[in-house]
Amino acid sequence: QVQLVESGGGLVQAGGSLRLSCSASGISESLYLMGWYRQAPGKQREMVAGMTSGGNARYDDSVKGRLTISRVNTKNTIYLEMNNLRHEDTAVYYCHAPLRGRACWGQGAQVTVSS
């Protein structure tokens, strides 16, 4: 019943910025873990960043210092502030949250960084 919806994708020049948003609906409790994954054409899906409801964050080394995850627990909403974007960041970004042993995924948001 939980639905994750992303927004904020688009086209940006290298060195530019974007902010992605993801909100979960259909649940009253605070999700323990929410995060972002991405998948580039021909590549496997990889974790970008995640954050617990307590504020503990983890990042892939490739995005540390450039991408920042934040949460609003009362809304089950996460954000991904993306700065100094590189062409290699081009991918479909997916919101993810595990719940009671099941993985919930958003529909994906396309981020394209021009070289």
N, C-alpha and C. Protein backbone atom coordinates (compact mmCIF):
# COMPACT_ATOMS: atom_id res chain seq x y z
N GLN A 1 0.82 -1.21 0.00
CA GLN A 1 0.00 0.00 0.00
C GLN A 1 0.85 1.26 0.00
N VAL A 2 2.10 1.16 0.42
CA VAL A 2 2.98 2.32 0.45
C VAL A 2 3.38 2.68 -0.96
N GLN A 3 3.28 3.96 -1.28
CA GLN A 3 3.65 4.46 -2.59
C GLN A 3 4.71 5.55 -2.43
N LEU A 4 5.78 5.46 -3.21
CA LEU A 4 6.84 6.45 -3.22
C LEU A 4 6.79 7.20 -4.54
N VAL A 5 6.82 8.53 -4.47
CA VAL A 5 6.73 9.36 -5.66
C VAL A 5 7.88 10.36 -5.65
N GLU A 6 8.69 10.33 -6.72
CA GLU A 6 9.80 11.25 -6.87
C GLU A 6 9.40 12.44 -7.74
N SER A 7 10.12 13.53 -7.55
CA SER A 7 9.97 14.70 -8.39
C SER A 7 11.27 15.49 -8.38
N GLY A 8 11.44 16.37 -9.36
CA GLY A 8 12.58 17.26 -9.37
C GLY A 8 13.66 16.94 -10.37
N GLY A 9 13.49 15.89 -11.15
CA GLY A 9 14.49 15.57 -12.16
C GLY A 9 14.47 16.57 -13.30
N GLY A 10 15.47 16.48 -14.15
CA GLY A 10 15.54 17.38 -15.28
C GLY A 10 16.90 17.40 -15.92
N LEU A 11 17.11 18.41 -16.76
CA LEU A 11 18.35 18.60 -17.49
C LEU A 11 19.12 19.76 -16.87
N VAL A 12 20.41 19.56 -16.64
CA VAL A 12 21.24 20.59 -16.05
C VAL A 12 22.63 20.52 -16.66
N GLN A 13 23.29 21.66 -16.74
CA GLN A 13 24.66 21.69 -17.23
C GLN A 13 25.63 21.17 -16.18
N ALA A 14 26.75 20.65 -16.63
CA ALA A 14 27.79 20.22 -15.70
C ALA A 14 28.16 21.36 -14.77
N GLY A 15 28.28 21.04 -13.49
CA GLY A 15 28.55 22.05 -12.48
C GLY A 15 27.32 22.65 -11.86
N GLY A 16 26.16 22.34 -12.41
CA GLY A 16 24.91 22.88 -11.91
C GLY A 16 24.33 22.07 -10.77
N SER A 17 23.10 22.43 -10.39
CA SER A 17 22.46 21.83 -9.23
C SER A 17 21.02 21.45 -9.52
N LEU A 18 20.55 20.44 -8.82
CA LEU A 18 19.16 20.01 -8.84
C LEU A 18 18.79 19.53 -7.45
N ARG A 19 17.50 19.51 -7.16
CA ARG A 19 17.01 18.91 -5.93
C ARG A 19 15.90 17.93 -6.24
N LEU A 20 16.08 16.70 -5.79
CA LEU A 20 15.08 15.67 -5.93
C LEU A 20 14.28 15.54 -4.65
N SER A 21 13.00 15.20 -4.78
CA SER A 21 12.13 14.99 -3.64
C SER A 21 11.44 13.64 -3.78
N CYS A 22 11.15 13.02 -2.65
CA CYS A 22 10.42 11.77 -2.63
C CYS A 22 9.53 11.74 -1.40
N SER A 23 8.25 11.49 -1.61
CA SER A 23 7.30 11.39 -0.52
C SER A 23 6.62 10.03 -0.52
N ALA A 24 6.46 9.47 0.66
CA ALA A 24 5.78 8.20 0.82
C ALA A 24 4.36 8.44 1.32
N SER A 25 3.42 7.75 0.73
CA SER A 25 2.03 7.83 1.16
C SER A 25 1.52 6.44 1.51
N GLY A 26 0.41 6.40 2.23
CA GLY A 26 -0.19 5.13 2.61
C GLY A 26 0.39 4.51 3.86
N ILE A 27 1.09 5.30 4.66
CA ILE A 27 1.68 4.81 5.90
C ILE A 27 1.66 5.92 6.93
N SER A 28 1.34 5.55 8.17
CA SER A 28 1.28 6.53 9.26
C SER A 28 2.55 6.55 10.10
N GLU A 29 3.27 5.44 10.15
CA GLU A 29 4.49 5.37 10.92
C GLU A 29 5.65 5.98 10.16
N SER A 30 6.67 6.36 10.89
CA SER A 30 7.88 6.89 10.28
C SER A 30 8.71 5.74 9.74
N LEU A 31 9.05 5.79 8.47
CA LEU A 31 9.90 4.77 7.88
C LEU A 31 11.29 4.84 8.48
N TYR A 32 11.82 3.68 8.86
CA TYR A 32 13.13 3.67 9.50
C TYR A 32 14.23 4.11 8.54
N LEU A 33 14.18 3.61 7.32
CA LEU A 33 15.22 3.91 6.34
C LEU A 33 14.61 4.32 5.02
N MET A 34 15.08 5.41 4.48
CA MET A 34 14.72 5.85 3.14
C MET A 34 15.99 6.26 2.42
N GLY A 35 16.02 6.06 1.11
CA GLY A 35 17.23 6.39 0.40
C GLY A 35 17.03 6.55 -1.09
N TRP A 36 18.14 6.84 -1.74
CA TRP A 36 18.17 7.06 -3.18
C TRP A 36 19.10 6.07 -3.86
N TYR A 37 18.65 5.49 -4.94
CA TYR A 37 19.45 4.68 -5.83
C TYR A 37 19.42 5.32 -7.21
N ARG A 38 20.37 4.93 -8.05
CA ARG A 38 20.36 5.42 -9.42
C ARG A 38 20.80 4.32 -10.36
N GLN A 39 20.35 4.43 -11.60
CA GLN A 39 20.71 3.46 -12.62
C GLN A 39 20.95 4.18 -13.93
N ALA A 40 22.17 4.08 -14.42
CA ALA A 40 22.54 4.64 -15.71
C ALA A 40 22.33 3.58 -16.79
N PRO A 41 22.16 4.00 -18.06
CA PRO A 41 21.98 3.03 -19.14
C PRO A 41 23.13 2.03 -19.20
N GLY A 42 22.79 0.75 -19.24
CA GLY A 42 23.80 -0.29 -19.32
C GLY A 42 24.51 -0.59 -18.02
N LYS A 43 24.11 0.06 -16.94
CA LYS A 43 24.74 -0.14 -15.65
C LYS A 43 23.75 -0.71 -14.64
N GLN A 44 24.28 -1.31 -13.59
CA GLN A 44 23.43 -1.84 -12.53
C GLN A 44 22.96 -0.72 -11.62
N ARG A 45 21.85 -0.95 -10.95
CA ARG A 45 21.35 0.03 -10.00
C ARG A 45 22.27 0.08 -8.78
N GLU A 46 22.61 1.28 -8.34
CA GLU A 46 23.53 1.44 -7.23
C GLU A 46 22.96 2.41 -6.20
N MET A 47 23.37 2.20 -4.96
CA MET A 47 22.94 3.09 -3.89
C MET A 47 23.69 4.40 -3.97
N VAL A 48 22.97 5.49 -3.78
CA VAL A 48 23.56 6.82 -3.77
C VAL A 48 23.67 7.34 -2.35
N ALA A 49 22.56 7.33 -1.62
CA ALA A 49 22.53 7.84 -0.26
C ALA A 49 21.31 7.30 0.46
N GLY A 50 21.43 7.15 1.76
CA GLY A 50 20.32 6.72 2.58
C GLY A 50 20.38 7.38 3.94
N MET A 51 19.23 7.48 4.59
CA MET A 51 19.17 8.09 5.92
C MET A 51 18.11 7.40 6.77
N THR A 52 18.46 7.12 8.02
CA THR A 52 17.52 6.57 8.97
C THR A 52 16.65 7.68 9.55
N SER A 53 15.58 7.27 10.23
CA SER A 53 14.71 8.25 10.86
C SER A 53 15.43 9.01 11.97
N GLY A 54 16.53 8.43 12.48
CA GLY A 54 17.33 9.09 13.49
C GLY A 54 18.36 10.05 12.95
N GLY A 55 18.47 10.15 11.62
CA GLY A 55 19.36 11.13 11.02
C GLY A 55 20.72 10.59 10.62
N ASN A 56 20.94 9.29 10.73
CA ASN A 56 22.21 8.71 10.31
C ASN A 56 22.21 8.52 8.80
N ALA A 57 23.21 9.08 8.14
CA ALA A 57 23.28 9.06 6.69
C ALA A 57 24.48 8.27 6.20
N ARG A 58 24.35 7.70 5.03
CA ARG A 58 25.44 7.01 4.36
C ARG A 58 25.43 7.39 2.89
N TYR A 59 26.62 7.61 2.34
CA TYR A 59 26.76 8.03 0.96
C TYR A 59 27.72 7.13 0.21
N ASP A 60 27.46 6.97 -1.07
CA ASP A 60 28.47 6.38 -1.93
C ASP A 60 29.64 7.35 -2.04
N ASP A 61 30.84 6.82 -2.09
CA ASP A 61 32.03 7.67 -2.12
C ASP A 61 32.04 8.63 -3.31
N SER A 62 31.42 8.25 -4.40
CA SER A 62 31.46 9.07 -5.60
C SER A 62 30.65 10.35 -5.48
N VAL A 63 29.77 10.44 -4.49
CA VAL A 63 28.91 11.61 -4.37
C VAL A 63 29.14 12.40 -3.09
N LYS A 64 30.03 11.94 -2.23
CA LYS A 64 30.30 12.64 -0.98
C LYS A 64 30.80 14.05 -1.26
N GLY A 65 30.22 15.01 -0.55
CA GLY A 65 30.60 16.40 -0.73
C GLY A 65 29.85 17.10 -1.83
N ARG A 66 29.12 16.37 -2.67
CA ARG A 66 28.36 16.96 -3.76
C ARG A 66 26.86 16.76 -3.62
N LEU A 67 26.46 15.61 -3.11
CA LEU A 67 25.05 15.29 -2.92
C LEU A 67 24.77 15.15 -1.43
N THR A 68 23.63 15.68 -1.00
CA THR A 68 23.26 15.66 0.40
C THR A 68 21.83 15.19 0.56
N ILE A 69 21.63 14.20 1.42
CA ILE A 69 20.29 13.69 1.69
C ILE A 69 19.75 14.32 2.96
N SER A 70 18.46 14.60 2.98
CA SER A 70 17.81 15.11 4.16
C SER A 70 16.42 14.50 4.26
N ARG A 71 15.81 14.61 5.46
CA ARG A 71 14.50 13.99 5.70
C ARG A 71 13.58 14.90 6.48
N VAL A 72 12.30 14.74 6.23
CA VAL A 72 11.26 15.28 7.08
C VAL A 72 10.44 14.07 7.52
N ASN A 73 10.71 13.57 8.72
CA ASN A 73 10.13 12.32 9.17
C ASN A 73 8.62 12.36 9.30
N THR A 74 8.08 13.51 9.71
CA THR A 74 6.64 13.62 9.89
C THR A 74 5.89 13.49 8.58
N LYS A 75 6.57 13.69 7.47
CA LYS A 75 5.96 13.58 6.15
C LYS A 75 6.47 12.37 5.37
N ASN A 76 7.39 11.59 5.97
CA ASN A 76 8.04 10.51 5.25
C ASN A 76 8.53 10.99 3.89
N THR A 77 9.26 12.08 3.93
CA THR A 77 9.78 12.72 2.74
C THR A 77 11.29 12.83 2.82
N ILE A 78 11.96 12.55 1.71
CA ILE A 78 13.40 12.73 1.63
C ILE A 78 13.73 13.63 0.45
N TYR A 79 14.87 14.27 0.55
CA TYR A 79 15.37 15.13 -0.50
C TYR A 79 16.79 14.74 -0.84
N LEU A 80 17.19 15.05 -2.04
CA LEU A 80 18.57 14.87 -2.46
C LEU A 80 19.02 16.16 -3.12
N GLU A 81 19.83 16.93 -2.38
CA GLU A 81 20.42 18.14 -2.93
C GLU A 81 21.65 17.74 -3.75
N MET A 82 21.62 18.07 -5.01
CA MET A 82 22.67 17.66 -5.94
C MET A 82 23.41 18.90 -6.43
N ASN A 83 24.68 19.01 -6.06
CA ASN A 83 25.50 20.15 -6.43
C ASN A 83 26.73 19.69 -7.20
N ASN A 84 27.29 20.63 -7.97
CA ASN A 84 28.48 20.34 -8.77
C ASN A 84 28.31 19.05 -9.57
N LEU A 85 27.20 18.97 -10.27
CA LEU A 85 26.87 17.75 -10.98
C LEU A 85 27.83 17.47 -12.13
N ARG A 86 28.09 16.20 -12.35
CA ARG A 86 28.97 15.73 -13.41
C ARG A 86 28.16 14.95 -14.43
N HIS A 87 28.73 14.82 -15.63
CA HIS A 87 28.07 14.05 -16.66
C HIS A 87 27.83 12.61 -16.19
N GLU A 88 28.74 12.08 -15.38
CA GLU A 88 28.63 10.72 -14.87
C GLU A 88 27.46 10.54 -13.91
N ASP A 89 26.87 11.64 -13.43
CA ASP A 89 25.71 11.55 -12.56
C ASP A 89 24.42 11.30 -13.33
N THR A 90 24.48 11.35 -14.65
CA THR A 90 23.30 11.12 -15.47
C THR A 90 22.76 9.72 -15.24
N ALA A 91 21.50 9.63 -14.83
CA ALA A 91 20.89 8.35 -14.50
C ALA A 91 19.42 8.57 -14.15
N VAL A 92 18.70 7.48 -14.01
CA VAL A 92 17.38 7.52 -13.42
C VAL A 92 17.54 7.30 -11.92
N TYR A 93 17.02 8.21 -11.13
CA TYR A 93 17.15 8.14 -9.69
C TYR A 93 15.86 7.60 -9.08
N TYR A 94 16.00 6.60 -8.22
CA TYR A 94 14.86 5.93 -7.62
C TYR A 94 14.85 6.12 -6.11
N CYS A 95 13.70 6.45 -5.58
CA CYS A 95 13.49 6.49 -4.14
C CYS A 95 13.23 5.07 -3.65
N HIS A 96 13.77 4.73 -2.48
CA HIS A 96 13.65 3.38 -1.96
C HIS A 96 13.41 3.39 -0.46
N ALA A 97 12.58 2.47 -0.01
CA ALA A 97 12.34 2.30 1.42
C ALA A 97 11.92 0.87 1.71
N PRO A 98 12.66 0.18 2.57
CA PRO A 98 12.22 -1.15 2.99
C PRO A 98 11.16 -1.04 4.07
N LEU A 99 10.18 -1.93 4.02
CA LEU A 99 9.10 -1.93 4.99
C LEU A 99 8.64 -3.36 5.23
N ARG A 100 8.85 -3.83 6.46
CA ARG A 100 8.42 -5.16 6.89
C ARG A 100 8.88 -6.24 5.92
N GLY A 101 10.15 -6.18 5.56
CA GLY A 101 10.74 -7.19 4.71
C GLY A 101 10.51 -7.01 3.23
N ARG A 102 9.80 -5.98 2.84
CA ARG A 102 9.53 -5.72 1.43
C ARG A 102 10.20 -4.42 0.99
N ALA A 103 10.64 -4.40 -0.23
CA ALA A 103 11.28 -3.23 -0.80
C ALA A 103 10.26 -2.41 -1.58
N CYS A 104 10.15 -1.13 -1.25
CA CYS A 104 9.26 -0.22 -1.95
C CYS A 104 10.10 0.71 -2.81
N TRP A 105 9.70 0.89 -4.06
CA TRP A 105 10.43 1.72 -5.01
C TRP A 105 9.54 2.77 -5.63
N GLY A 106 10.11 3.93 -5.89
CA GLY A 106 9.43 4.95 -6.65
C GLY A 106 9.51 4.66 -8.13
N GLN A 107 8.87 5.50 -8.93
CA GLN A 107 8.83 5.28 -10.38
C GLN A 107 10.09 5.74 -11.09
N GLY A 108 10.91 6.53 -10.43
CA GLY A 108 12.15 7.01 -11.00
C GLY A 108 12.05 8.43 -11.52
N ALA A 109 13.14 9.17 -11.39
CA ALA A 109 13.24 10.53 -11.91
C ALA A 109 14.51 10.64 -12.75
N GLN A 110 14.36 11.09 -13.99
CA GLN A 110 15.50 11.20 -14.89
C GLN A 110 16.30 12.45 -14.57
N VAL A 111 17.60 12.27 -14.39
CA VAL A 111 18.54 13.38 -14.23
C VAL A 111 19.55 13.30 -15.36
N THR A 112 19.64 14.35 -16.14
CA THR A 112 20.57 14.39 -17.26
C THR A 112 21.50 15.58 -17.09
N VAL A 113 22.79 15.32 -17.08
CA VAL A 113 23.80 16.36 -16.92
C VAL A 113 24.56 16.48 -18.23
N SER A 114 24.46 17.62 -18.87
CA SER A 114 25.13 17.83 -20.14
C SER A 114 26.63 17.99 -19.93
N SER A 115 27.40 17.46 -20.86
CA SER A 115 28.85 17.50 -20.74
C SER A 115 29.44 18.76 -21.34
